Structure formats: C-alpha cells, structure tokens
Protein backbone atom coordinates (compact mmCIF):
# COMPACT_ATOMS: atom_id res chain seq x y z
CA MET A 1 66.43 26.41 -10.26
CA THR A 2 68.98 27.18 -12.99
CA LEU A 3 69.54 23.47 -13.68
CA GLY A 4 65.82 22.94 -14.16
CA TYR A 5 65.21 25.98 -16.39
CA VAL A 6 63.81 25.25 -19.85
CA HIS A 7 63.84 28.20 -22.25
CA LYS A 8 60.70 28.64 -24.35
CA PRO A 9 60.77 31.38 -27.03
CA PRO A 10 57.66 33.57 -27.26
CA GLY A 11 54.94 31.90 -29.28
CA THR A 12 56.05 28.36 -28.46
CA VAL A 13 53.10 25.99 -28.35
CA ASP A 14 53.30 23.22 -25.77
CA PRO A 15 52.82 19.72 -27.21
CA VAL A 16 49.48 18.08 -26.62
CA LYS A 17 49.68 15.66 -23.71
CA SER A 18 47.72 12.45 -23.67
CA GLU A 19 44.98 12.03 -21.11
CA ARG A 20 46.10 10.45 -17.87
CA LEU A 21 42.78 8.70 -17.32
CA ARG A 22 41.51 6.28 -19.95
CA THR A 23 38.09 6.68 -21.52
CA TRP A 24 35.71 3.84 -22.27
CA ASP A 25 35.34 2.70 -25.88
CA ASP A 26 31.51 2.76 -25.78
CA SER A 27 31.39 -0.86 -26.92
CA SER A 28 28.71 -1.45 -24.31
CA PRO A 29 25.71 0.69 -23.35
CA TYR A 30 26.83 0.35 -19.73
CA HIS A 31 29.89 2.50 -20.49
CA LYS A 32 27.75 5.64 -20.67
CA ASN A 33 28.29 8.10 -17.79
CA ARG A 34 30.95 5.88 -16.25
CA PRO A 35 33.94 7.67 -14.70
CA LYS A 36 37.21 7.36 -16.57
CA ARG A 37 39.47 4.40 -15.88
CA GLY A 38 42.75 4.63 -14.03
CA PRO A 39 46.16 4.13 -15.67
CA ARG A 40 47.34 0.71 -16.79
CA GLY A 41 49.52 -1.43 -14.58
CA PRO A 42 49.17 -3.42 -11.37
CA GLU A 43 49.30 -0.32 -9.16
CA GLY A 44 46.80 1.83 -11.06
CA VAL A 45 48.07 4.96 -9.27
CA LEU A 46 48.32 8.40 -10.85
CA ARG A 47 51.84 9.75 -10.57
CA LEU A 48 52.55 13.38 -9.73
CA ILE A 49 52.96 15.71 -12.72
CA GLU A 50 56.41 17.25 -13.10
CA LYS A 51 56.04 20.99 -13.69
CA ASP A 52 58.70 23.44 -14.81
CA ILE A 53 60.62 24.98 -11.91
CA THR A 54 59.66 28.60 -11.26
CA PRO A 55 60.38 31.01 -8.38
CA HIS A 56 57.08 29.86 -6.88
CA ASN A 57 57.72 26.10 -6.78
CA ILE A 58 61.44 25.67 -6.10
CA PRO A 59 61.87 22.22 -4.50
CA LYS A 60 62.77 22.10 -0.82
CA ILE A 61 63.30 19.47 1.85
CA THR A 62 60.10 18.86 3.79
CA GLY A 63 61.34 16.18 6.18
CA VAL A 64 63.66 13.26 6.87
CA THR A 65 62.86 9.74 8.05
CA VAL A 66 65.54 7.51 9.61
CA HIS A 67 64.64 3.85 10.02
CA SER A 68 66.53 0.85 11.38
CA MET A 69 65.50 -2.80 11.39
CA VAL A 70 67.32 -4.36 14.37
CA LYS A 71 67.59 -8.09 13.65
CA GLY A 72 69.72 -8.68 16.74
CA ALA A 73 66.76 -7.68 18.94
CA ILE A 74 65.20 -11.09 18.24
CA ASP A 75 67.80 -12.80 20.43
CA ASP A 76 68.85 -9.94 22.71
CA SER A 77 66.79 -6.83 23.49
CA ALA A 78 70.00 -4.95 24.31
CA HIS A 79 70.53 -4.50 20.56
CA LEU A 80 67.31 -2.49 20.38
CA HIS A 81 68.34 -0.27 23.30
CA VAL A 82 71.73 0.46 21.73
CA ALA A 83 70.08 1.17 18.37
CA GLY A 84 67.72 3.62 20.05
CA MET A 85 70.64 5.42 21.68
CA VAL A 86 72.46 5.64 18.34
CA LEU A 87 69.47 6.99 16.40
CA GLN A 88 68.63 9.51 19.12
CA ALA A 89 72.23 10.73 19.22
CA VAL A 90 72.46 11.03 15.43
CA THR A 91 69.07 12.67 14.81
CA GLY A 92 68.30 14.44 18.08
CA VAL A 93 64.83 12.83 18.06
CA ARG A 94 63.59 10.08 20.35
CA PRO A 95 62.91 7.06 18.10
CA LYS A 96 59.54 5.38 17.84
CA VAL A 97 59.53 1.62 18.47
CA HIS A 98 57.70 -0.65 16.02
CA ARG A 99 56.48 -4.13 16.94
CA ALA A 100 56.12 -7.14 14.68
CA LYS A 101 52.58 -7.52 13.32
CA ARG A 102 52.85 -11.30 13.11
CA GLY A 103 55.28 -13.98 14.20
CA LEU A 104 57.69 -15.87 11.95
CA ALA A 105 58.82 -19.14 13.47
CA GLN A 106 61.69 -19.64 11.01
CA PHE A 107 63.29 -16.41 12.22
CA GLY A 108 62.33 -16.78 15.87
CA LEU A 109 60.19 -13.64 15.59
CA ARG A 110 57.16 -13.47 17.87
CA GLU A 111 54.07 -11.35 17.41
CA ARG A 112 54.25 -7.90 19.07
CA MET A 113 58.01 -8.20 19.57
CA PRO A 114 59.89 -4.84 19.34
CA ILE A 115 61.95 -5.11 16.18
CA SER A 116 62.58 -1.70 14.54
CA LEU A 117 62.95 2.03 15.20
CA THR A 118 61.97 5.17 13.30
CA CYS A 119 62.83 8.86 13.71
CA GLN A 120 61.00 11.59 11.78
CA PHE A 121 61.81 15.28 11.81
CA ARG A 122 61.19 18.40 9.72
CA GLY A 123 62.26 22.00 9.27
CA ASN A 124 65.75 23.18 10.17
CA GLN A 125 66.46 19.90 11.93
CA ALA A 126 66.04 18.06 8.61
CA TYR A 127 68.38 20.48 6.81
CA ASP A 128 70.96 20.17 9.60
CA PHE A 129 70.91 16.37 9.32
CA VAL A 130 71.34 16.43 5.53
CA ASP A 131 74.16 18.97 5.84
CA LYS A 132 75.87 16.78 8.44
CA CYS A 133 75.71 13.78 6.10
CA ILE A 134 77.13 15.80 3.19
CA SER A 135 79.87 17.66 5.06
CA LEU A 136 81.02 15.20 7.73
CA VAL A 137 79.95 11.64 6.92
CA PHE A 138 80.02 11.12 3.14
CA PRO A 139 83.67 12.28 2.75
CA LYS A 140 84.83 9.72 5.35
CA ILE A 141 83.27 6.66 3.69
CA LYS A 142 85.99 4.69 1.89
CA ASP A 143 85.45 3.63 -1.74
CA TRP A 144 82.00 5.21 -1.80
CA GLU A 145 80.93 6.44 -5.22
CA GLY A 146 77.70 8.15 -4.21
CA VAL A 147 73.97 7.60 -3.86
CA VAL A 148 72.64 5.13 -6.42
CA GLY A 149 70.90 7.00 -9.24
CA THR A 150 68.00 4.55 -9.40
CA THR A 151 66.78 5.44 -5.91
CA GLY A 152 63.47 7.26 -5.53
CA ASP A 153 59.74 6.59 -5.49
CA SER A 154 58.79 8.73 -8.54
CA SER A 155 57.30 11.31 -6.16
CA GLY A 156 60.38 13.29 -5.12
CA ASN A 157 61.58 11.19 -2.17
CA ILE A 158 65.20 9.98 -2.23
CA ALA A 159 66.51 7.14 -0.05
CA PHE A 160 69.97 5.84 0.86
CA GLY A 161 71.51 3.95 3.75
CA PHE A 162 74.45 3.64 6.12
CA ASN A 163 75.90 0.33 7.24
CA ARG A 164 77.44 -0.17 10.69
CA GLU A 165 80.78 1.32 9.62
CA GLY A 166 79.00 4.33 8.12
CA ALA A 167 76.96 4.92 11.28
CA MET A 168 80.19 5.00 13.31
CA LEU A 169 81.36 8.00 11.25
CA PHE A 170 78.71 10.38 12.61
CA PRO A 171 80.34 12.90 14.96
CA GLU A 172 77.91 12.14 17.80
CA ILE A 173 79.07 8.50 17.74
CA GLU A 174 82.77 9.22 17.23
CA ILE A 175 83.04 11.56 20.20
CA ASN A 176 81.39 9.05 22.58
CA TYR A 177 82.42 5.83 20.87
CA ASP A 178 83.01 4.01 24.18
CA MET A 179 79.32 4.39 25.09
CA TYR A 180 78.18 2.04 22.32
CA PRO A 181 79.16 -1.65 22.02
CA PRO A 182 80.71 -1.79 18.50
CA LYS A 183 78.97 -5.02 17.53
CA MET A 184 75.56 -3.61 18.51
CA ILE A 185 75.74 -0.36 16.51
CA PRO A 186 73.13 -0.75 13.74
CA GLY A 187 73.00 0.48 10.18
CA PHE A 188 69.98 2.51 9.12
CA HIS A 189 68.08 3.83 6.11
CA VAL A 190 67.51 7.52 5.41
CA VAL A 191 64.60 8.86 3.34
CA ILE A 192 64.72 12.54 2.34
CA HIS A 193 61.24 13.88 1.61
CA THR A 194 61.09 16.86 -0.77
CA SER A 195 58.35 19.02 -2.24
CA ALA A 196 59.46 18.03 -5.76
CA ALA A 197 56.98 16.15 -7.93
CA SER A 198 59.62 13.93 -9.57
CA ASP A 199 62.85 12.18 -8.68
CA ARG A 200 64.70 14.30 -11.27
CA HIS A 201 63.88 17.55 -9.50
CA ALA A 202 64.63 15.98 -6.12
CA ARG A 203 68.09 14.94 -7.38
CA LEU A 204 68.68 18.46 -8.72
CA LEU A 205 67.92 19.84 -5.25
CA LEU A 206 70.18 17.38 -3.42
CA SER A 207 72.95 17.67 -6.06
CA SER A 208 73.00 21.45 -5.59
CA MET A 209 73.49 20.82 -1.85
CA GLY A 210 76.41 18.45 -2.48
CA VAL A 211 74.90 14.94 -2.55
CA PRO A 212 76.76 12.85 -5.19
CA PHE A 213 74.82 10.44 -7.40
CA THR A 214 76.31 7.55 -9.33
CA GLY A 215 75.22 5.11 -12.00
CA LYS A 216 72.22 5.34 -14.29
CA LEU A 217 69.72 8.04 -13.33
CA VAL A 218 66.09 6.93 -13.44
CA ASP A 219 63.40 9.63 -13.51
C-alpha cells in the first residue's frame, strides 16, 4: 500500500482521460444512435482500469493455478501418473486431467488422449503455496535471478514456472524422493491470480511478500 501511494495536494485536479470507447465520426447517417466502438487492435478488449491503492482496495491473492503439460504421456502413461502424484504432493489438491481436443499425427498425439494436469486452489491454501515457493524453493534454485519482469496478462495475474530440477526442490518431493522416478518428475507452470487491476500492482503485492523480479518491468 505504501509503495502504491500517490500524494495529491488539496485542490489538485486530475487530468482529463480520453474515452476508452471510440465514437463514430457521423460521416454516414447510419452512425446515428450506434453504440460506441471498441478499442483499436486485433483483440478489441477493454483492459481493467488501474485505480489508486486505498485501504479499501489493497490487492490480495485470490487463487493459484498449477499446470503441467506432460509430453512423456504420449508414449508412456506412467509419466502422467507420476506427474499427478507430484502435483498433488506439492499443492495438496487432486489434479484435474485434461485430454487432447484433436490429434496431431506428427507428435503421435491422439484425440481424447490424457496429456496435461491442472490444480486450482484459493484462500489460505494459495497463500501457503506462495509462501512455500518464496521461503523454501526460490532460495535453493542455482543461478536464478528472479521472475521475469515482462510476465503478466495486464489484468493482475503473474505467471512463472519450475523445470524438473526446480520441482525436485519442493519439500514434499525431497522428503520422499525415492517415491518418484527422477526422469518422470515434470516441470510445471504457476499462475498467481490477484485482485489487482494491473500487473504493476500485482508485482507490488508479490514483491512485498518476497518474490524477486528481474529485467525490464512491463505494466
């Protein structure tokens, strides 16, 4: 909250902001009573508006998603079973299995083949997972500079990943390392969902908790 505070002396007038939706130029009589046009660009999606942080809208973590694409499951389904055991041990949540929507002959992938896993959780469980990453896993990763500053979806969600060596550093895996075939332990992606309306505020929240960021920061 302190990092996001912007002091405004009494009497300060906020600058006029341009309209987010574009109006028609009335070059045609058919423009009358038409709704305003969306923003320019291929997506045409309105982004969330970043508001000043106040005691009423302090960003918080709303949930965490852990996802793993298990390529080895194409040739051997045992890879998917081991990946499910790893994700369940790390997150405490039984993973959901996703099947391929269509087949790809060049990769040997068949339609409806189980190929990836996802775990989603909220509340204290999400905070515990983030704290575990910050306190126990990040410090053990060799030559790791931090989470890339360009990550984010412009809506307050920050993503990063662990490779196979990083997944082995979780305490649940280290204490029972013999249970998991080393070559079958997968890497996985982590998406931290926050209530922030921008990546900048989401980074402020995670930085205050101890998540390091490196490189150019993109808001």
